[in-house]
């Protein structure tokens, strides 16, 4: 079984935390599952309500990059 592996970091503590959330969920998962996934957990935990529009956009872009990279593995 091929699994998606990803490493990322940031100098910003907030961005590093957002990266950690995404990697906790999507790292070491099947690429086919990642490309069809929707990040529902973001709204389920209310995170999107506490981030600025810029941070929300950045989080969405990180997720889209993960999906893109996982899609290249299929």
C-alpha atoms as a PDB file:
ATOM      1  CA  UNK A   1       0.000   0.000   0.000  1.00  0.00           C
ATOM      2  CA  UNK A   2       1.365   3.396  -0.995  1.00  0.00           C
ATOM      3  CA  UNK A   3       0.821   6.114   1.588  1.00  0.00           C
ATOM      4  CA  UNK A   4       1.125   9.866   1.266  1.00  0.00           C
ATOM      5  CA  UNK A   5       3.977  11.292   3.334  1.00  0.00           C
ATOM      6  CA  UNK A   6       4.517  14.975   3.897  1.00  0.00           C
ATOM      7  CA  UNK A   7       6.713  17.228   5.991  1.00  0.00           C
ATOM      8  CA  UNK A   8       6.189  20.944   6.410  1.00  0.00           C
ATOM      9  CA  UNK A   9       7.109  23.692   8.824  1.00  0.00           C
ATOM     10  CA  UNK A  10       6.781  27.412   9.372  1.00  0.00           C
ATOM     11  CA  UNK A  11       8.463  30.074  11.460  1.00  0.00           C
ATOM     12  CA  UNK A  12       5.014  31.316  12.474  1.00  0.00           C
ATOM     13  CA  UNK A  13       3.589  29.430  15.458  1.00  0.00           C
ATOM     14  CA  UNK A  14       0.020  29.759  14.169  1.00  0.00           C
ATOM     15  CA  UNK A  15       0.879  28.485  10.698  1.00  0.00           C
ATOM     16  CA  UNK A  16       2.974  25.669  12.185  1.00  0.00           C
ATOM     17  CA  UNK A  17      -0.060  24.646  14.238  1.00  0.00           C
ATOM     18  CA  UNK A  18      -2.318  24.679  11.183  1.00  0.00           C
ATOM     19  CA  UNK A  19       0.213  22.565   9.298  1.00  0.00           C
ATOM     20  CA  UNK A  20       0.364  20.134  12.221  1.00  0.00           C
ATOM     21  CA  UNK A  21      -3.437  19.739  12.155  1.00  0.00           C
ATOM     22  CA  UNK A  22      -3.464  18.929   8.448  1.00  0.00           C
ATOM     23  CA  UNK A  23      -0.541  16.538   8.690  1.00  0.00           C
ATOM     24  CA  UNK A  24      -2.060  14.770  11.689  1.00  0.00           C
ATOM     25  CA  UNK A  25      -5.067  13.917   9.549  1.00  0.00           C
ATOM     26  CA  UNK A  26      -3.635  13.409   6.056  1.00  0.00           C
ATOM     27  CA  UNK A  27      -0.045  12.210   6.525  1.00  0.00           C
ATOM     28  CA  UNK A  28       0.385   8.465   6.016  1.00  0.00           C
ATOM     29  CA  UNK A  29      -3.030   8.081   4.340  1.00  0.00           C
ATOM     30  CA  UNK A  30      -3.880   6.565   0.969  1.00  0.00           C
ATOM     31  CA  UNK A  31      -3.573   9.174  -1.804  1.00  0.00           C
ATOM     32  CA  UNK A  32      -6.927   8.085  -3.265  1.00  0.00           C
ATOM     33  CA  UNK A  33      -8.620   8.875   0.054  1.00  0.00           C
ATOM     34  CA  UNK A  34      -6.951  12.279   0.335  1.00  0.00           C
ATOM     35  CA  UNK A  35      -8.004  13.517  -3.104  1.00  0.00           C
ATOM     36  CA  UNK A  36     -11.662  12.770  -2.339  1.00  0.00           C
ATOM     37  CA  UNK A  37     -11.557  14.104   1.218  1.00  0.00           C
ATOM     38  CA  UNK A  38     -13.095  17.335   2.378  1.00  0.00           C
ATOM     39  CA  UNK A  39     -11.629  19.093   5.430  1.00  0.00           C
ATOM     40  CA  UNK A  40     -14.907  18.999   7.375  1.00  0.00           C
ATOM     41  CA  UNK A  41     -13.058  18.920  10.680  1.00  0.00           C
ATOM     42  CA  UNK A  42     -12.185  22.605  10.248  1.00  0.00           C
ATOM     43  CA  UNK A  43     -15.796  23.722  10.530  1.00  0.00           C
ATOM     44  CA  UNK A  44     -16.731  20.893  12.919  1.00  0.00           C
ATOM     45  CA  UNK A  45     -14.318  22.216  15.537  1.00  0.00           C
ATOM     46  CA  UNK A  46     -15.124  25.844  14.707  1.00  0.00           C
ATOM     47  CA  UNK A  47     -11.580  26.674  13.667  1.00  0.00           C
ATOM     48  CA  UNK A  48     -12.688  28.671  10.633  1.00  0.00           C
ATOM     49  CA  UNK A  49     -14.608  31.038  12.926  1.00  0.00           C
ATOM     50  CA  UNK A  50     -11.454  31.931  14.851  1.00  0.00           C
ATOM     51  CA  UNK A  51      -9.041  32.492  11.974  1.00  0.00           C
ATOM     52  CA  UNK A  52      -8.639  35.667   9.978  1.00  0.00           C
ATOM     53  CA  UNK A  53      -9.672  35.521   6.317  1.00  0.00           C
ATOM     54  CA  UNK A  54      -5.993  35.423   5.381  1.00  0.00           C
ATOM     55  CA  UNK A  55      -5.295  32.460   7.685  1.00  0.00           C
ATOM     56  CA  UNK A  56      -8.415  30.640   6.435  1.00  0.00           C
ATOM     57  CA  UNK A  57      -7.259  31.164   2.867  1.00  0.00           C
ATOM     58  CA  UNK A  58      -3.789  29.890   3.732  1.00  0.00           C
ATOM     59  CA  UNK A  59      -5.253  26.806   5.413  1.00  0.00           C
ATOM     60  CA  UNK A  60      -7.373  26.077   2.342  1.00  0.00           C
ATOM     61  CA  UNK A  61      -4.350  26.522   0.081  1.00  0.00           C
ATOM     62  CA  UNK A  62      -2.316  24.110   2.224  1.00  0.00           C
ATOM     63  CA  UNK A  63      -5.094  21.532   1.968  1.00  0.00           C
ATOM     64  CA  UNK A  64      -5.324  22.001  -1.808  1.00  0.00           C
ATOM     65  CA  UNK A  65      -1.556  21.495  -2.081  1.00  0.00           C
ATOM     66  CA  UNK A  66      -1.797  18.266  -0.082  1.00  0.00           C
ATOM     67  CA  UNK A  67      -4.598  17.059  -2.383  1.00  0.00           C
ATOM     68  CA  UNK A  68      -2.578  18.011  -5.469  1.00  0.00           C
ATOM     69  CA  UNK A  69       0.551  16.217  -4.270  1.00  0.00           C
ATOM     70  CA  UNK A  70      -1.473  13.147  -3.252  1.00  0.00           C
ATOM     71  CA  UNK A  71      -3.132  13.152  -6.676  1.00  0.00           C
ATOM     72  CA  UNK A  72       0.275  12.931  -8.338  1.00  0.00           C
ATOM     73  CA  UNK A  73       0.792   9.607  -6.561  1.00  0.00           C
ATOM     74  CA  UNK A  74      -2.281   7.971  -8.081  1.00  0.00           C
END
